[in-house]
Amino acid sequence: MIVFDLKCGQAHVFEAWFGSSDDYAAQQARGLVSCPICGDARIEKALMAPAVAAKGNRLASCDNAASKARLAELARQQARIEADFTWVGRDFARQARDLHEAPANDAPPAEAVPKPPPPKGIYGEATLSEARALVADGVPIAPLPFRSRRSADA
């Protein structure tokens, strides 16, 4: 099936479906095509906008409210990480390894000295090869789904 925009002699524009271009030509030649508004049989094809398909990489439906909620949650997580962790910049790989390899202070103290708080977590930047080496050595790291505001400002 094919759809054509048609126009009568009175300038009424309407849409009509045909089996093919040849079907349209045959019906037009026999006088079977007429304007549904005024009945005029002087019909010609009107200019049509081409049928352009939507891009294939787009979602069928985009829920703006859900997207905004996800972005807001990501912003909250970023603010929490930036408040609770220490930014170490490009020194991340070395400091992450140092924290991982630091001896555990699990032995009971000889005296009743309070145990120091665990070290504050860190975040920063690492190259892909540095990150792969950390993972290979068992250092627990994870990529963050955002760029630090500190590195963006630098």
Foldseek 3Di string as FASTA:
>chain_A
DDKFFKAAPVGDTDIDDDPDPVRVVVCLVVQNDADPVPRGSRMDTDDDDDDDDDDPPDDPDDDPVVVVVVVVVLVVVLVVCVVQAAEPAACVLVVLVCLVPPDDPPDDDPDPDDDDDRDTHYDYDYDPVSVVVCVVVVRDDDDRPDDRPVVVVD
